[in-house]
Amino acid sequence: MIKTVVSSALPIDEKLRIKKNILTNGKGKKRICIVTGTHGDELEGQYVCFELINKIKANMEKLDGTVEIYPSLNPLGMDSITRGVPNFDLDMNRIFPGNPEGSMAEAAAFAICEDLKGADMVIDIHSSNIFLREIPQIRINVDEAEHLVPYARMLNIDFIWVHESATVLQATLAHSLNRCSTPTIVVEMGVGMRINHSMGNELVRGILNLMKNMGIWEGEISPAVISEPVISNGDNVIFLNADKSGIFLTETRNNTIVEKDELIGKIVDPLSGDILQTIKASERGLLFTIRAYPVVYEGSLIARIYKL
């Protein structure tokens, strides 16, 4: 069943509509929500929504509960290939829990939060931006780690990053929902404006596995083996940044173990032919983020390594 969560008038006889697909069966009372499309340039979640809906619809008799799927929380951004909400010059994931008396975007954020409240689990799916390529990972605020990490381990994800609290994150959807006792897990993977089918398929399998452990899904998970993630311990994530502006060249792929002093890439000057900076791993660890967009400025993030 398709239901409209938000409907707001636009200037030229059009409407902003945010919709969800409700799949329900059996006598189970538990409810899991899959949300994505908060940023208009993040498309990995579109494939996950499509695949998950089709797998459930093909096996409705195995569903015992409710699955609600929200493919696009920011449809205007997706329509215009814009990360934020067009014309409002804002990041939608910085205005939650919203305000019913605020701007159109703030009112939409409020309605989304109210609609999601009370779910037994929310999976908030993001891609990276166009500048960085991320391995499939879950990001959890340290304040929520004890409760959320056991669920995160079921999602067939490579890496769980337990990070420190940050003021900017307090206006995100995940933080707002977790504060009102609606458990929410943030998934991030891939690169902006692209879809990686393999990553999407692995996450769909993980979501079904989580649903099975929650008693919402009675089907088999094939293959049955679920990946055991690397879990960050404390502040062991190393950031490698550019010291020079130029073009970043690399043959390195993420989701690999790099050794200390191993070459990550070079920043070069295509005019003079000079190598401006050689970037090496400062510690042995899991390379889980790598620069995807080659133009860099001083201070640009090049890579993230989880120190092993």
Protein backbone atom coordinates (compact mmCIF):
# COMPACT_ATOMS: atom_id res chain seq x y z
CA MET A 1 0.00 0.00 0.00
CA ILE A 2 1.38 3.38 -1.04
CA LYS A 3 0.73 6.18 1.45
CA THR A 4 1.60 9.89 1.29
CA VAL A 5 3.48 11.03 4.40
CA VAL A 6 3.94 14.69 3.38
CA SER A 7 2.05 16.78 0.84
CA SER A 8 2.94 20.46 0.44
CA ALA A 9 1.97 22.95 -2.26
CA LEU A 10 4.67 24.23 -4.60
CA PRO A 11 4.48 27.65 -6.31
CA ILE A 12 3.41 26.62 -9.83
CA ASP A 13 0.42 24.33 -9.26
CA GLU A 14 2.56 21.36 -8.19
CA LYS A 15 2.98 19.46 -4.92
CA LEU A 16 5.86 18.06 -2.91
CA ARG A 17 4.91 14.52 -1.98
CA ILE A 18 6.93 12.19 0.22
CA LYS A 19 5.57 8.65 0.05
CA LYS A 20 6.10 5.27 1.65
CA ASN A 21 5.24 1.71 0.70
CA ILE A 22 3.67 -0.30 3.54
CA LEU A 23 4.06 -4.08 3.34
CA THR A 24 2.23 -5.97 6.09
CA ASN A 25 1.18 -9.55 6.69
CA GLY A 26 0.50 -12.00 9.49
CA LYS A 27 -0.23 -11.31 13.13
CA GLY A 28 3.18 -9.88 14.05
CA LYS A 29 3.11 -6.42 15.61
CA LYS A 30 6.73 -5.41 14.98
CA ARG A 31 7.52 -2.67 12.48
CA ILE A 32 10.77 -1.93 10.65
CA CYS A 33 11.25 1.18 8.50
CA ILE A 34 13.77 1.66 5.68
CA VAL A 35 14.43 5.31 4.82
CA THR A 36 16.71 6.82 2.20
CA GLY A 37 17.04 9.71 -0.23
CA THR A 38 17.61 12.36 2.44
CA HIS A 39 20.29 13.75 0.13
CA GLY A 40 19.36 14.06 -3.52
CA ASP A 41 22.76 12.88 -4.79
CA GLU A 42 22.70 9.63 -2.78
CA LEU A 43 21.20 6.85 -4.89
CA GLU A 44 22.38 3.54 -3.37
CA GLY A 45 19.20 3.35 -1.30
CA GLN A 46 16.98 3.41 -4.40
CA TYR A 47 18.27 0.01 -5.45
CA VAL A 48 17.96 -1.38 -1.91
CA CYS A 49 14.31 -0.26 -1.69
CA PHE A 50 13.50 -1.78 -5.08
CA GLU A 51 15.13 -5.13 -4.33
CA LEU A 52 13.72 -5.39 -0.81
CA ILE A 53 10.16 -4.66 -1.93
CA ASN A 54 10.37 -7.25 -4.69
CA LYS A 55 11.80 -9.96 -2.43
CA ILE A 56 9.09 -9.38 0.17
CA LYS A 57 6.25 -9.22 -2.39
CA ALA A 58 7.43 -12.50 -3.92
CA ASN A 59 7.27 -14.17 -0.48
CA MET A 60 4.50 -12.32 1.38
CA GLU A 61 3.54 -15.45 3.29
CA LYS A 62 6.94 -15.27 5.04
CA LEU A 63 6.32 -11.77 6.34
CA ASP A 64 4.96 -11.56 9.88
CA GLY A 65 4.79 -7.89 10.74
CA THR A 66 5.15 -4.57 8.91
CA VAL A 67 7.87 -3.18 6.67
CA GLU A 68 7.62 0.48 5.68
CA ILE A 69 9.88 1.75 2.90
CA TYR A 70 10.51 5.44 2.26
CA PRO A 71 12.59 5.68 -0.97
CA SER A 72 12.99 9.47 -1.08
CA LEU A 73 12.78 11.85 1.87
CA ASN A 74 14.04 14.66 -0.39
CA PRO A 75 12.33 14.16 -3.77
CA LEU A 76 13.04 17.73 -4.92
CA GLY A 77 16.75 17.16 -4.34
CA MET A 78 16.65 13.87 -6.22
CA ASP A 79 14.74 15.39 -9.13
CA SER A 80 17.33 18.16 -9.48
CA ILE A 81 20.41 16.03 -8.60
CA THR A 82 21.00 18.35 -5.64
CA ARG A 83 22.36 17.18 -2.31
CA GLY A 84 20.24 19.54 -0.23
CA VAL A 85 16.69 20.84 -0.58
CA PRO A 86 16.60 23.12 -3.67
CA ASN A 87 15.83 26.82 -3.09
CA PHE A 88 16.19 26.46 0.68
CA ASP A 89 20.01 26.18 0.69
CA LEU A 90 20.01 23.58 3.45
CA ASP A 91 20.98 20.02 4.20
CA MET A 92 17.80 18.15 5.09
CA ASN A 93 19.74 15.95 7.50
CA ARG A 94 20.54 19.01 9.61
CA ILE A 95 16.98 20.16 10.37
CA PHE A 96 15.46 17.22 12.25
CA PRO A 97 13.25 16.84 14.25
CA GLY A 98 11.80 19.69 12.22
CA ASN A 99 9.17 22.27 13.07
CA PRO A 100 5.48 22.07 12.10
CA GLU A 101 5.34 25.88 12.05
CA GLY A 102 8.58 26.34 10.10
CA SER A 103 9.45 26.42 6.41
CA MET A 104 8.21 23.75 4.01
CA ALA A 105 11.40 21.72 4.55
CA GLU A 106 11.17 22.00 8.35
CA ALA A 107 7.51 21.01 8.33
CA ALA A 108 8.32 18.02 6.12
CA ALA A 109 11.11 16.94 8.48
CA PHE A 110 8.70 17.15 11.43
CA ALA A 111 6.08 15.03 9.62
CA ILE A 112 8.69 12.41 8.70
CA CYS A 113 9.90 12.15 12.30
CA GLU A 114 6.36 11.83 13.63
CA ASP A 115 5.58 9.12 11.08
CA LEU A 116 8.67 7.07 12.00
CA LYS A 117 8.32 7.36 15.77
CA GLY A 118 7.48 4.13 17.54
CA ALA A 119 9.06 1.81 14.95
CA ASP A 120 10.93 -1.16 16.37
CA MET A 121 13.86 -0.35 14.07
CA VAL A 122 14.72 2.29 11.46
CA ILE A 123 17.49 1.76 8.89
CA ASP A 124 18.65 5.12 7.50
CA ILE A 125 20.54 4.46 4.24
CA HIS A 126 23.02 6.95 2.79
CA SER A 127 25.61 6.98 0.03
CA SER A 128 28.79 8.94 0.23
CA ASN A 129 29.05 12.22 -1.68
CA ILE A 130 30.68 12.45 -5.12
CA PHE A 131 34.10 13.08 -3.55
CA LEU A 132 34.59 9.94 -1.46
CA ARG A 133 34.12 6.21 -1.96
CA GLU A 134 33.06 4.30 1.15
CA ILE A 135 32.92 0.60 1.93
CA PRO A 136 29.54 -0.53 3.34
CA GLN A 137 29.60 0.71 6.92
CA ILE A 138 27.38 1.55 9.85
CA ARG A 139 27.96 4.70 11.86
CA ILE A 140 26.78 4.75 15.46
CA ASN A 141 27.08 7.47 18.06
CA VAL A 142 29.01 6.17 21.05
CA ASP A 143 26.06 7.08 23.28
CA GLU A 144 23.87 4.57 21.39
CA ALA A 145 26.50 1.87 20.82
CA GLU A 146 25.55 -0.53 23.60
CA HIS A 147 21.99 -0.79 22.32
CA LEU A 148 22.53 -0.57 18.55
CA VAL A 149 25.75 -2.52 17.84
CA PRO A 150 24.12 -5.96 18.42
CA TYR A 151 21.52 -5.10 15.74
CA ALA A 152 24.14 -3.58 13.44
CA ARG A 153 26.13 -6.81 13.47
CA MET A 154 23.19 -8.57 11.80
CA LEU A 155 23.16 -6.27 8.76
CA ASN A 156 25.88 -8.01 6.72
CA ILE A 157 28.04 -4.87 6.70
CA ASP A 158 31.85 -4.74 6.53
CA PHE A 159 32.58 -2.10 9.15
CA ILE A 160 30.88 -0.53 12.18
CA TRP A 161 32.25 2.89 13.07
CA VAL A 162 31.41 3.85 16.65
CA HIS A 163 32.15 7.56 16.67
CA GLU A 164 32.16 10.27 19.30
CA SER A 165 29.22 12.62 19.77
CA ALA A 166 29.28 15.76 17.61
CA THR A 167 27.08 18.82 17.92
CA VAL A 168 26.33 18.87 14.18
CA LEU A 169 24.89 15.35 14.36
CA GLN A 170 22.21 16.37 16.85
CA ALA A 171 20.02 17.64 14.00
CA THR A 172 20.16 14.40 12.00
CA LEU A 173 17.23 12.05 11.54
CA ALA A 174 19.02 9.20 13.33
CA HIS A 175 19.91 11.28 16.39
CA SER A 176 16.41 12.73 16.62
CA LEU A 177 14.75 9.30 16.45
CA ASN A 178 17.19 7.65 18.86
CA ARG A 179 16.51 10.42 21.36
CA CYS A 180 12.81 9.59 21.31
CA SER A 181 13.48 5.85 21.84
CA THR A 182 13.05 4.82 18.21
CA PRO A 183 16.22 2.76 17.47
CA THR A 184 17.84 4.00 14.26
CA ILE A 185 20.94 2.72 12.48
CA VAL A 186 22.78 4.75 9.82
CA VAL A 187 24.24 2.85 6.84
CA GLU A 188 26.65 4.52 4.43
CA MET A 189 28.19 3.02 1.30
CA GLY A 190 29.42 3.64 -2.21
CA VAL A 191 29.86 7.00 -3.90
CA GLY A 192 27.46 9.80 -4.76
CA MET A 193 25.30 9.70 -7.91
CA ARG A 194 26.04 6.02 -8.52
CA ILE A 195 24.54 2.62 -7.63
CA ASN A 196 26.66 -0.39 -6.72
CA HIS A 197 24.45 -3.46 -7.17
CA SER A 198 26.75 -5.78 -5.23
CA MET A 199 26.75 -3.54 -2.15
CA GLY A 200 22.98 -3.13 -2.41
CA ASN A 201 22.38 -6.88 -2.62
CA GLU A 202 24.52 -7.52 0.46
CA LEU A 203 22.59 -4.92 2.45
CA VAL A 204 19.23 -6.35 1.35
CA ARG A 205 20.38 -9.73 2.62
CA GLY A 206 21.44 -8.10 5.86
CA ILE A 207 18.08 -6.35 6.31
CA LEU A 208 16.26 -9.65 5.80
CA ASN A 209 18.60 -11.25 8.33
CA LEU A 210 17.82 -8.50 10.85
CA MET A 211 14.10 -8.91 10.16
CA LYS A 212 14.40 -12.63 10.77
CA ASN A 213 16.16 -12.08 14.09
CA MET A 214 13.43 -9.59 15.06
CA GLY A 215 10.71 -12.13 14.21
CA ILE A 216 9.38 -10.18 11.21
CA TRP A 217 10.66 -12.51 8.47
CA GLU A 218 10.32 -16.28 8.32
CA GLY A 219 12.14 -16.86 5.04
CA GLU A 220 15.60 -18.34 4.58
CA ILE A 221 18.62 -16.09 4.04
CA SER A 222 20.66 -17.28 1.08
CA PRO A 223 23.54 -17.73 1.40
CA ALA A 224 23.12 -18.26 5.11
CA VAL A 225 26.52 -16.84 6.13
CA ILE A 226 26.34 -13.21 7.28
CA SER A 227 29.55 -11.16 7.31
CA GLU A 228 31.05 -10.42 10.71
CA PRO A 229 31.98 -6.72 10.68
CA VAL A 230 35.10 -5.03 11.92
CA ILE A 231 34.00 -2.87 14.87
CA SER A 232 35.90 0.29 15.73
CA ASN A 233 37.19 0.53 19.28
CA GLY A 234 37.68 4.01 20.64
CA ASP A 235 39.28 6.75 18.58
CA ASN A 236 41.22 4.52 16.18
CA VAL A 237 40.17 6.12 12.89
CA ILE A 238 43.02 7.93 11.10
CA PHE A 239 42.28 10.77 8.65
CA LEU A 240 44.68 11.42 5.76
CA ASN A 241 44.33 14.92 4.30
CA ALA A 242 45.93 16.77 1.41
CA ASP A 243 48.76 19.16 2.23
CA LYS A 244 48.78 20.51 -1.33
CA SER A 245 46.22 21.41 -3.99
CA GLY A 246 46.34 19.41 -7.21
CA ILE A 247 45.16 16.19 -8.84
CA PHE A 248 45.01 13.04 -6.69
CA LEU A 249 46.12 9.88 -8.49
CA THR A 250 45.75 6.43 -7.00
CA GLU A 251 45.49 2.76 -7.91
CA THR A 252 44.50 1.86 -4.35
CA ARG A 253 41.07 0.39 -3.61
CA ASN A 254 39.25 0.62 -0.34
CA ASN A 255 38.19 -2.39 1.76
CA THR A 256 41.81 -3.55 1.90
CA ILE A 257 44.35 -3.85 4.70
CA VAL A 258 47.18 -1.38 4.17
CA GLU A 259 50.54 -1.58 5.91
CA LYS A 260 52.30 1.30 7.59
CA ASP A 261 54.07 3.50 5.00
CA GLU A 262 52.23 1.79 2.14
CA LEU A 263 51.59 4.13 -0.80
CA ILE A 264 48.00 5.41 -0.98
CA GLY A 265 48.46 7.84 -3.85
CA LYS A 266 50.08 11.03 -5.10
CA ILE A 267 48.98 14.61 -5.55
CA VAL A 268 50.45 15.94 -8.76
CA ASP A 269 50.67 19.18 -10.74
CA PRO A 270 49.62 18.41 -14.35
CA LEU A 271 51.14 21.71 -15.56
CA SER A 272 54.69 21.21 -14.29
CA GLY A 273 54.66 17.42 -14.03
CA ASP A 274 55.75 17.64 -10.38
CA ILE A 275 54.69 15.29 -7.59
CA LEU A 276 53.46 17.69 -4.91
CA GLN A 277 52.73 15.15 -2.18
CA THR A 278 53.16 11.42 -1.70
CA ILE A 279 50.47 10.06 0.60
CA LYS A 280 51.26 6.96 2.63
CA ALA A 281 49.43 5.05 5.34
CA SER A 282 50.57 6.31 8.72
CA GLU A 283 49.51 3.05 10.41
CA ARG A 284 48.53 -0.49 9.49
CA GLY A 285 44.77 -0.77 9.16
CA LEU A 286 41.56 -1.14 7.18
CA LEU A 287 41.28 1.42 4.39
CA PHE A 288 37.54 2.11 4.43
CA THR A 289 37.38 5.52 2.72
CA ILE A 290 39.26 6.65 -0.38
CA ARG A 291 39.07 9.82 -2.44
CA ALA A 292 36.91 9.30 -5.57
CA TYR A 293 36.98 12.81 -7.06
CA PRO A 294 40.56 13.57 -8.15
CA VAL A 295 40.63 17.38 -7.81
CA VAL A 296 41.81 18.23 -4.30
CA TYR A 297 42.59 21.33 -2.30
CA GLU A 298 44.78 21.76 0.75
CA GLY A 299 42.91 20.07 3.59
CA SER A 300 40.76 17.81 1.37
CA LEU A 301 40.08 14.38 2.87
CA ILE A 302 42.00 11.72 0.97
CA ALA A 303 41.42 8.55 2.99
CA ARG A 304 40.30 7.11 6.31
CA ILE A 305 41.99 4.11 7.90
CA TYR A 306 40.82 2.12 10.89
CA LYS A 307 44.00 1.31 12.81
CA LEU A 308 44.34 -2.40 13.55
